[in-house]
Amino acid sequence: MNEKMRTLFAQRIGFTKKGVTTIKDDNDNLVYFITGRWGLVHDALSVYAVSGTLLAEIKQSSLGLFPKFELYSRQQKVGTLRRYYGVSTEMLFVKGLNWFLIGNLNNFRYKIYSGHTWIMRTGDVKKHAQDYIKFDFRHEQDEALCLCIAAILDYWASNGKKVRHKESELNFQKRTRPTLD
Protein backbone atom coordinates (compact mmCIF):
# COMPACT_ATOMS: atom_id res chain seq x y z
CA MET A 1 0.00 0.00 0.00
CA ASN A 2 1.45 3.36 -1.04
CA GLU A 3 0.72 5.97 1.63
CA LYS A 4 1.48 9.65 1.18
CA MET A 5 2.03 11.46 4.45
CA ARG A 6 0.98 15.10 4.56
CA THR A 7 2.57 17.78 6.72
CA LEU A 8 0.70 20.87 7.87
CA PHE A 9 1.69 23.84 10.03
CA ALA A 10 0.15 26.31 12.48
CA GLN A 11 1.82 29.25 14.18
CA ARG A 12 2.74 28.26 17.73
CA ILE A 13 1.77 31.58 19.30
CA GLY A 14 -1.98 31.88 19.44
CA PHE A 15 -2.75 28.38 18.15
CA THR A 16 -5.83 28.13 20.36
CA LYS A 17 -6.42 31.73 21.32
CA LYS A 18 -9.69 33.45 20.44
CA GLY A 19 -10.12 34.28 16.80
CA VAL A 20 -9.26 32.23 13.77
CA THR A 21 -6.28 29.89 13.50
CA THR A 22 -5.02 29.01 10.03
CA ILE A 23 -3.51 25.66 9.10
CA LYS A 24 -1.21 25.72 6.07
CA ASP A 25 0.72 23.23 3.95
CA ASP A 26 4.44 23.18 3.06
CA ASN A 27 3.89 25.88 0.43
CA ASP A 28 1.99 28.18 2.82
CA ASN A 29 -1.33 27.44 1.12
CA LEU A 30 -4.30 27.69 3.46
CA VAL A 31 -5.78 24.22 4.06
CA TYR A 32 -8.03 24.65 7.13
CA PHE A 33 -9.12 27.28 9.57
CA ILE A 34 -10.10 26.69 13.17
CA THR A 35 -12.42 28.88 15.18
CA GLY A 36 -14.36 28.71 18.43
CA ARG A 37 -13.80 28.75 22.15
CA TRP A 38 -14.02 26.49 25.18
CA GLY A 39 -13.85 26.48 28.93
CA LEU A 40 -17.59 26.16 29.54
CA VAL A 41 -19.98 23.29 28.92
CA HIS A 42 -21.32 23.34 25.32
CA ASP A 43 -18.43 25.49 24.05
CA ALA A 44 -17.03 24.19 20.77
CA LEU A 45 -14.07 24.46 18.48
CA SER A 46 -14.67 23.91 14.75
CA VAL A 47 -12.40 22.99 11.83
CA TYR A 48 -13.43 24.27 8.41
CA ALA A 49 -12.14 23.62 4.92
CA VAL A 50 -11.03 26.64 2.89
CA SER A 51 -14.40 26.46 1.10
CA GLY A 52 -16.17 27.12 4.41
CA THR A 53 -17.43 23.54 4.84
CA LEU A 54 -17.58 22.42 8.47
CA LEU A 55 -15.43 19.28 8.73
CA ALA A 56 -15.06 18.57 12.44
CA GLU A 57 -15.95 19.90 15.87
CA ILE A 58 -15.01 19.20 19.44
CA LYS A 59 -17.59 20.20 22.05
CA GLN A 60 -16.99 20.38 25.77
CA SER A 61 -19.60 18.30 27.61
CA SER A 62 -18.35 18.48 31.22
CA LEU A 63 -16.14 20.56 33.51
CA GLY A 64 -13.69 19.64 36.25
CA LEU A 65 -10.24 18.19 36.57
CA PHE A 66 -11.00 15.57 33.89
CA PRO A 67 -13.27 17.39 31.40
CA LYS A 68 -15.07 15.42 28.72
CA PHE A 69 -15.34 16.37 25.04
CA GLU A 70 -17.45 15.04 22.20
CA LEU A 71 -15.95 14.78 18.71
CA TYR A 72 -18.04 15.35 15.58
CA SER A 73 -17.13 14.67 11.98
CA ARG A 74 -19.38 16.33 9.39
CA GLN A 75 -21.96 16.96 12.14
CA GLN A 76 -22.10 13.28 13.24
CA LYS A 77 -20.86 12.34 16.72
CA VAL A 78 -17.95 9.93 16.27
CA GLY A 79 -16.28 9.78 19.68
CA THR A 80 -15.62 11.14 23.14
CA LEU A 81 -12.41 12.31 24.71
CA ARG A 82 -11.52 12.53 28.39
CA ARG A 83 -8.28 13.67 29.98
CA TYR A 84 -6.19 11.15 31.92
CA TYR A 85 -2.73 11.45 33.43
CA GLY A 86 0.22 9.10 33.07
CA VAL A 87 3.40 8.83 35.04
CA SER A 88 5.43 11.28 32.94
CA THR A 89 3.29 11.73 29.84
CA GLU A 90 -0.19 12.75 28.88
CA MET A 91 -2.51 9.97 27.74
CA LEU A 92 -5.88 10.30 26.08
CA PHE A 93 -8.34 7.78 24.77
CA VAL A 94 -10.88 8.61 22.09
CA LYS A 95 -13.80 6.27 22.61
CA GLY A 96 -15.78 5.56 19.48
CA LEU A 97 -12.76 5.96 17.21
CA ASN A 98 -10.54 3.65 19.29
CA TRP A 99 -7.69 6.13 19.13
CA PHE A 100 -4.97 6.36 21.75
CA LEU A 101 -2.82 9.43 22.23
CA ILE A 102 0.43 9.68 24.13
CA GLY A 103 2.76 12.62 24.49
CA ASN A 104 3.94 15.45 26.67
CA LEU A 105 2.28 18.81 27.37
CA ASN A 106 5.61 20.49 28.12
CA ASN A 107 7.16 20.00 24.68
CA PHE A 108 3.95 19.47 22.69
CA ARG A 109 5.16 16.23 21.14
CA TYR A 110 2.30 13.83 20.59
CA LYS A 111 1.35 10.81 18.57
CA ILE A 112 -2.18 9.61 17.97
CA TYR A 113 -2.52 5.92 17.24
CA SER A 114 -5.23 3.81 15.71
CA GLY A 115 -4.25 0.34 16.87
CA HIS A 116 -0.48 0.07 16.42
CA THR A 117 -0.29 2.62 13.61
CA TRP A 118 0.26 6.33 14.20
CA ILE A 119 -2.17 8.63 12.40
CA MET A 120 -0.82 12.01 13.59
CA ARG A 121 2.35 13.24 15.21
CA THR A 122 3.32 16.74 16.30
CA GLY A 123 6.46 18.71 16.96
CA ASP A 124 7.81 22.26 17.06
CA VAL A 125 9.71 23.72 14.10
CA LYS A 126 11.08 27.08 12.98
CA LYS A 127 9.53 28.45 9.82
CA HIS A 128 9.91 32.02 8.56
CA ALA A 129 11.95 32.72 11.73
CA GLN A 130 8.89 31.94 13.89
CA ASP A 131 7.78 29.01 16.02
CA TYR A 132 5.30 26.66 14.36
CA ILE A 133 3.61 23.42 15.25
CA LYS A 134 4.29 20.75 12.66
CA PHE A 135 1.57 18.15 12.12
CA ASP A 136 2.34 14.95 10.23
CA PHE A 137 -0.75 13.02 9.11
CA ARG A 138 -0.86 9.52 7.70
CA HIS A 139 -4.37 9.92 6.19
CA GLU A 140 -6.06 13.11 5.02
CA GLN A 141 -9.49 11.96 6.29
CA ASP A 142 -8.19 12.07 9.91
CA GLU A 143 -6.75 15.58 9.75
CA ALA A 144 -9.74 17.66 10.90
CA LEU A 145 -10.51 15.46 13.93
CA CYS A 146 -6.82 15.30 14.88
CA LEU A 147 -6.59 19.11 14.67
CA CYS A 148 -9.51 19.37 17.11
CA ILE A 149 -7.64 17.14 19.56
CA ALA A 150 -4.39 19.08 19.04
CA ALA A 151 -6.17 22.35 19.84
CA ILE A 152 -7.43 20.93 23.14
CA LEU A 153 -3.91 19.73 23.97
CA ASP A 154 -2.49 23.17 23.21
CA TYR A 155 -5.10 24.77 25.45
CA TRP A 156 -4.19 22.42 28.31
CA ALA A 157 -0.48 23.02 27.74
CA SER A 158 -0.95 26.82 27.76
CA ASN A 159 -3.10 26.77 30.89
CA GLY A 160 -0.80 24.29 32.63
CA LYS A 161 2.22 26.52 32.04
CA LYS A 162 0.34 29.49 33.53
CA VAL A 163 -0.60 27.46 36.60
CA ARG A 164 2.95 26.10 37.06
CA HIS A 165 4.40 29.61 36.66
CA LYS A 166 2.08 31.02 39.33
CA GLU A 167 2.86 28.10 41.65
CA SER A 168 6.61 28.67 41.23
CA GLU A 169 6.14 32.37 42.05
CA LEU A 170 4.20 31.42 45.18
CA ASN A 171 6.87 28.93 46.24
CA PHE A 172 9.55 31.57 45.70
CA GLN A 173 7.58 34.05 47.80
CA LYS A 174 7.21 31.49 50.60
CA ARG A 175 10.98 30.91 50.71
CA THR A 176 11.82 34.60 50.75
CA ARG A 177 12.13 35.99 54.26
CA PRO A 178 11.28 39.60 54.94
CA THR A 179 14.10 41.81 56.20
CA LEU A 180 13.77 44.37 58.95
CA ASP A 181 15.80 47.56 58.69
C-alpha atoms as a PDB file:
ATOM      1  CA  MET A   1       0.000   0.000   0.000  1.00  0.00           C
ATOM      2  CA  ASN A   2       1.455   3.361  -1.040  1.00  0.00           C
ATOM      3  CA  GLU A   3       0.719   5.975   1.634  1.00  0.00           C
ATOM      4  CA  LYS A   4       1.482   9.654   1.182  1.00  0.00           C
ATOM      5  CA  MET A   5       2.026  11.456   4.447  1.00  0.00           C
ATOM      6  CA  ARG A   6       0.979  15.099   4.559  1.00  0.00           C
ATOM      7  CA  THR A   7       2.574  17.779   6.717  1.00  0.00           C
ATOM      8  CA  LEU A   8       0.695  20.874   7.868  1.00  0.00           C
ATOM      9  CA  PHE A   9       1.695  23.836  10.025  1.00  0.00           C
ATOM     10  CA  ALA A  10       0.152  26.305  12.483  1.00  0.00           C
ATOM     11  CA  GLN A  11       1.817  29.250  14.182  1.00  0.00           C
ATOM     12  CA  ARG A  12       2.740  28.262  17.734  1.00  0.00           C
ATOM     13  CA  ILE A  13       1.766  31.581  19.305  1.00  0.00           C
ATOM     14  CA  GLY A  14      -1.980  31.877  19.444  1.00  0.00           C
ATOM     15  CA  PHE A  15      -2.747  28.381  18.155  1.00  0.00           C
ATOM     16  CA  THR A  16      -5.826  28.134  20.365  1.00  0.00           C
ATOM     17  CA  LYS A  17      -6.422  31.726  21.323  1.00  0.00           C
ATOM     18  CA  LYS A  18      -9.688  33.455  20.437  1.00  0.00           C
ATOM     19  CA  GLY A  19     -10.119  34.284  16.803  1.00  0.00           C
ATOM     20  CA  VAL A  20      -9.262  32.231  13.771  1.00  0.00           C
ATOM     21  CA  THR A  21      -6.277  29.888  13.496  1.00  0.00           C
ATOM     22  CA  THR A  22      -5.020  29.010  10.035  1.00  0.00           C
ATOM     23  CA  ILE A  23      -3.509  25.656   9.098  1.00  0.00           C
ATOM     24  CA  LYS A  24      -1.208  25.718   6.066  1.00  0.00           C
ATOM     25  CA  ASP A  25       0.720  23.232   3.951  1.00  0.00           C
ATOM     26  CA  ASP A  26       4.443  23.181   3.063  1.00  0.00           C
ATOM     27  CA  ASN A  27       3.892  25.880   0.427  1.00  0.00           C
ATOM     28  CA  ASP A  28       1.986  28.183   2.824  1.00  0.00           C
ATOM     29  CA  ASN A  29      -1.334  27.440   1.116  1.00  0.00           C
ATOM     30  CA  LEU A  30      -4.304  27.686   3.456  1.00  0.00           C
ATOM     31  CA  VAL A  31      -5.784  24.219   4.059  1.00  0.00           C
ATOM     32  CA  TYR A  32      -8.029  24.649   7.133  1.00  0.00           C
ATOM     33  CA  PHE A  33      -9.121  27.276   9.567  1.00  0.00           C
ATOM     34  CA  ILE A  34     -10.099  26.691  13.169  1.00  0.00           C
ATOM     35  CA  THR A  35     -12.420  28.885  15.184  1.00  0.00           C
ATOM     36  CA  GLY A  36     -14.357  28.705  18.427  1.00  0.00           C
ATOM     37  CA  ARG A  37     -13.801  28.747  22.154  1.00  0.00           C
ATOM     38  CA  TRP A  38     -14.016  26.488  25.181  1.00  0.00           C
ATOM     39  CA  GLY A  39     -13.852  26.481  28.928  1.00  0.00           C
ATOM     40  CA  LEU A  40     -17.589  26.162  29.539  1.00  0.00           C
ATOM     41  CA  VAL A  41     -19.975  23.295  28.922  1.00  0.00           C
ATOM     42  CA  HIS A  42     -21.319  23.341  25.324  1.00  0.00           C
ATOM     43  CA  ASP A  43     -18.435  25.491  24.045  1.00  0.00           C
ATOM     44  CA  ALA A  44     -17.026  24.194  20.769  1.00  0.00           C
ATOM     45  CA  LEU A  45     -14.067  24.458  18.475  1.00  0.00           C
ATOM     46  CA  SER A  46     -14.665  23.906  14.752  1.00  0.00           C
ATOM     47  CA  VAL A  47     -12.397  22.989  11.832  1.00  0.00           C
ATOM     48  CA  TYR A  48     -13.434  24.270   8.411  1.00  0.00           C
ATOM     49  CA  ALA A  49     -12.136  23.615   4.915  1.00  0.00           C
ATOM     50  CA  VAL A  50     -11.027  26.643   2.886  1.00  0.00           C
ATOM     51  CA  SER A  51     -14.395  26.458   1.096  1.00  0.00           C
ATOM     52  CA  GLY A  52     -16.169  27.119   4.414  1.00  0.00           C
ATOM     53  CA  THR A  53     -17.429  23.544   4.839  1.00  0.00           C
ATOM     54  CA  LEU A  54     -17.579  22.419   8.471  1.00  0.00           C
ATOM     55  CA  LEU A  55     -15.427  19.285   8.726  1.00  0.00           C
ATOM     56  CA  ALA A  56     -15.058  18.566  12.438  1.00  0.00           C
ATOM     57  CA  GLU A  57     -15.952  19.903  15.870  1.00  0.00           C
ATOM     58  CA  ILE A  58     -15.013  19.204  19.441  1.00  0.00           C
ATOM     59  CA  LYS A  59     -17.594  20.197  22.049  1.00  0.00           C
ATOM     60  CA  GLN A  60     -16.988  20.383  25.773  1.00  0.00           C
ATOM     61  CA  SER A  61     -19.598  18.304  27.606  1.00  0.00           C
ATOM     62  CA  SER A  62     -18.346  18.484  31.219  1.00  0.00           C
ATOM     63  CA  LEU A  63     -16.143  20.556  33.506  1.00  0.00           C
ATOM     64  CA  GLY A  64     -13.694  19.641  36.245  1.00  0.00           C
ATOM     65  CA  LEU A  65     -10.237  18.188  36.569  1.00  0.00           C
ATOM     66  CA  PHE A  66     -11.005  15.574  33.888  1.00  0.00           C
ATOM     67  CA  PRO A  67     -13.265  17.390  31.403  1.00  0.00           C
ATOM     68  CA  LYS A  68     -15.073  15.417  28.717  1.00  0.00           C
ATOM     69  CA  PHE A  69     -15.336  16.367  25.044  1.00  0.00           C
ATOM     70  CA  GLU A  70     -17.447  15.044  22.200  1.00  0.00           C
ATOM     71  CA  LEU A  71     -15.954  14.785  18.709  1.00  0.00           C
ATOM     72  CA  TYR A  72     -18.042  15.353  15.583  1.00  0.00           C
ATOM     73  CA  SER A  73     -17.131  14.667  11.975  1.00  0.00           C
ATOM     74  CA  ARG A  74     -19.376  16.330   9.389  1.00  0.00           C
ATOM     75  CA  GLN A  75     -21.958  16.955  12.144  1.00  0.00           C
ATOM     76  CA  GLN A  76     -22.096  13.282  13.241  1.00  0.00           C
ATOM     77  CA  LYS A  77     -20.855  12.343  16.716  1.00  0.00           C
ATOM     78  CA  VAL A  78     -17.948   9.933  16.273  1.00  0.00           C
ATOM     79  CA  GLY A  79     -16.283   9.780  19.678  1.00  0.00           C
ATOM     80  CA  THR A  80     -15.623  11.136  23.143  1.00  0.00           C
ATOM     81  CA  LEU A  81     -12.407  12.306  24.708  1.00  0.00           C
ATOM     82  CA  ARG A  82     -11.518  12.529  28.391  1.00  0.00           C
ATOM     83  CA  ARG A  83      -8.276  13.673  29.979  1.00  0.00           C
ATOM     84  CA  TYR A  84      -6.185  11.153  31.916  1.00  0.00           C
ATOM     85  CA  TYR A  85      -2.733  11.447  33.434  1.00  0.00           C
ATOM     86  CA  GLY A  86       0.221   9.102  33.066  1.00  0.00           C
ATOM     87  CA  VAL A  87       3.396   8.828  35.042  1.00  0.00           C
ATOM     88  CA  SER A  88       5.430  11.276  32.935  1.00  0.00           C
ATOM     89  CA  THR A  89       3.290  11.734  29.837  1.00  0.00           C
ATOM     90  CA  GLU A  90      -0.192  12.753  28.883  1.00  0.00           C
ATOM     91  CA  MET A  91      -2.507   9.973  27.744  1.00  0.00           C
ATOM     92  CA  LEU A  92      -5.880  10.303  26.084  1.00  0.00           C
ATOM     93  CA  PHE A  93      -8.343   7.785  24.773  1.00  0.00           C
ATOM     94  CA  VAL A  94     -10.879   8.609  22.092  1.00  0.00           C
ATOM     95  CA  LYS A  95     -13.802   6.272  22.607  1.00  0.00           C
ATOM     96  CA  GLY A  96     -15.784   5.555  19.479  1.00  0.00           C
ATOM     97  CA  LEU A  97     -12.764   5.959  17.213  1.00  0.00           C
ATOM     98  CA  ASN A  98     -10.540   3.651  19.287  1.00  0.00           C
ATOM     99  CA  TRP A  99      -7.687   6.127  19.125  1.00  0.00           C
ATOM    100  CA  PHE A 100      -4.966   6.360  21.754  1.00  0.00           C
ATOM    101  CA  LEU A 101      -2.818   9.431  22.229  1.00  0.00           C
ATOM    102  CA  ILE A 102       0.426   9.679  24.132  1.00  0.00           C
ATOM    103  CA  GLY A 103       2.758  12.621  24.494  1.00  0.00           C
ATOM    104  CA  ASN A 104       3.940  15.452  26.665  1.00  0.00           C
ATOM    105  CA  LEU A 105       2.284  18.815  27.372  1.00  0.00           C
ATOM    106  CA  ASN A 106       5.607  20.494  28.118  1.00  0.00           C
ATOM    107  CA  ASN A 107       7.164  20.004  24.684  1.00  0.00           C
ATOM    108  CA  PHE A 108       3.946  19.474  22.686  1.00  0.00           C
ATOM    109  CA  ARG A 109       5.163  16.231  21.143  1.00  0.00           C
ATOM    110  CA  TYR A 110       2.304  13.832  20.587  1.00  0.00           C
ATOM    111  CA  LYS A 111       1.353  10.814  18.571  1.00  0.00           C
ATOM    112  CA  ILE A 112      -2.177   9.615  17.966  1.00  0.00           C
ATOM    113  CA  TYR A 113      -2.517   5.918  17.235  1.00  0.00           C
ATOM    114  CA  SER A 114      -5.232   3.806  15.705  1.00  0.00           C
ATOM    115  CA  GLY A 115      -4.248   0.345  16.871  1.00  0.00           C
ATOM    116  CA  HIS A 116      -0.480   0.067  16.425  1.00  0.00           C
ATOM    117  CA  THR A 117      -0.292   2.624  13.613  1.00  0.00           C
ATOM    118  CA  TRP A 118       0.256   6.328  14.197  1.00  0.00           C
ATOM    119  CA  ILE A 119      -2.167   8.629  12.396  1.00  0.00           C
ATOM    120  CA  MET A 120      -0.825  12.011  13.591  1.00  0.00           C
ATOM    121  CA  ARG A 121       2.353  13.244  15.214  1.00  0.00           C
ATOM    122  CA  THR A 122       3.320  16.738  16.303  1.00  0.00           C
ATOM    123  CA  GLY A 123       6.457  18.711  16.963  1.00  0.00           C
ATOM    124  CA  ASP A 124       7.809  22.260  17.062  1.00  0.00           C
ATOM    125  CA  VAL A 125       9.707  23.721  14.095  1.00  0.00           C
ATOM    126  CA  LYS A 126      11.081  27.084  12.982  1.00  0.00           C
ATOM    127  CA  LYS A 127       9.530  28.452   9.816  1.00  0.00           C
ATOM    128  CA  HIS A 128       9.912  32.022   8.556  1.00  0.00           C
ATOM    129  CA  ALA A 129      11.945  32.722  11.732  1.00  0.00           C
ATOM    130  CA  GLN A 130       8.889  31.939  13.890  1.00  0.00           C
ATOM    131  CA  ASP A 131       7.782  29.006  16.023  1.00  0.00           C
ATOM    132  CA  TYR A 132       5.305  26.663  14.357  1.00  0.00           C
ATOM    133  CA  ILE A 133       3.609  23.420  15.253  1.00  0.00           C
ATOM    134  CA  LYS A 134       4.285  20.754  12.661  1.00  0.00           C
ATOM    135  CA  PHE A 135       1.573  18.148  12.118  1.00  0.00           C
ATOM    136  CA  ASP A 136       2.344  14.945  10.226  1.00  0.00           C
ATOM    137  CA  PHE A 137      -0.751  13.019   9.114  1.00  0.00           C
ATOM    138  CA  ARG A 138      -0.859   9.517   7.702  1.00  0.00           C
ATOM    139  CA  HIS A 139      -4.370   9.920   6.185  1.00  0.00           C
ATOM    140  CA  GLU A 140      -6.061  13.110   5.018  1.00  0.00           C
ATOM    141  CA  GLN A 141      -9.493  11.964   6.286  1.00  0.00           C
ATOM    142  CA  ASP A 142      -8.190  12.067   9.909  1.00  0.00           C
ATOM    143  CA  GLU A 143      -6.750  15.580   9.750  1.00  0.00           C
ATOM    144  CA  ALA A 144      -9.741  17.657  10.901  1.00  0.00           C
ATOM    145  CA  LEU A 145     -10.506  15.461  13.932  1.00  0.00           C
ATOM    146  CA  CYS A 146      -6.824  15.304  14.878  1.00  0.00           C
ATOM    147  CA  LEU A 147      -6.587  19.114  14.670  1.00  0.00           C
ATOM    148  CA  CYS A 148      -9.513  19.368  17.107  1.00  0.00           C
ATOM    149  CA  ILE A 149      -7.640  17.143  19.557  1.00  0.00           C
ATOM    150  CA  ALA A 150      -4.391  19.083  19.037  1.00  0.00           C
ATOM    151  CA  ALA A 151      -6.174  22.354  19.839  1.00  0.00           C
ATOM    152  CA  ILE A 152      -7.426  20.930  23.143  1.00  0.00           C
ATOM    153  CA  LEU A 153      -3.907  19.730  23.967  1.00  0.00           C
ATOM    154  CA  ASP A 154      -2.491  23.166  23.213  1.00  0.00           C
ATOM    155  CA  TYR A 155      -5.105  24.773  25.447  1.00  0.00           C
ATOM    156  CA  TRP A 156      -4.188  22.419  28.307  1.00  0.00           C
ATOM    157  CA  ALA A 157      -0.482  23.019  27.738  1.00  0.00           C
ATOM    158  CA  SER A 158      -0.947  26.816  27.764  1.00  0.00           C
ATOM    159  CA  ASN A 159      -3.101  26.767  30.887  1.00  0.00           C
ATOM    160  CA  GLY A 160      -0.797  24.290  32.627  1.00  0.00           C
ATOM    161  CA  LYS A 161       2.221  26.525  32.041  1.00  0.00           C
ATOM    162  CA  LYS A 162       0.340  29.491  33.529  1.00  0.00           C
ATOM    163  CA  VAL A 163      -0.604  27.458  36.596  1.00  0.00           C
ATOM    164  CA  ARG A 164       2.948  26.099  37.058  1.00  0.00           C
ATOM    165  CA  HIS A 165       4.402  29.606  36.659  1.00  0.00           C
ATOM    166  CA  LYS A 166       2.075  31.022  39.326  1.00  0.00           C
ATOM    167  CA  GLU A 167       2.864  28.098  41.647  1.00  0.00           C
ATOM    168  CA  SER A 168       6.607  28.674  41.233  1.00  0.00           C
ATOM    169  CA  GLU A 169       6.136  32.372  42.049  1.00  0.00           C
ATOM    170  CA  LEU A 170       4.200  31.423  45.177  1.00  0.00           C
ATOM    171  CA  ASN A 171       6.869  28.932  46.238  1.00  0.00           C
ATOM    172  CA  PHE A 172       9.551  31.570  45.700  1.00  0.00           C
ATOM    173  CA  GLN A 173       7.584  34.051  47.803  1.00  0.00           C
ATOM    174  CA  LYS A 174       7.206  31.494  50.599  1.00  0.00           C
ATOM    175  CA  ARG A 175      10.981  30.906  50.713  1.00  0.00           C
ATOM    176  CA  THR A 176      11.817  34.603  50.751  1.00  0.00           C
ATOM    177  CA  ARG A 177      12.130  35.990  54.264  1.00  0.00           C
ATOM    178  CA  PRO A 178      11.280  39.603  54.937  1.00  0.00           C
ATOM    179  CA  THR A 179      14.100  41.811  56.197  1.00  0.00           C
ATOM    180  CA  LEU A 180      13.774  44.366  58.954  1.00  0.00           C
ATOM    181  CA  ASP A 181      15.800  47.555  58.692  1.00  0.00           C
END
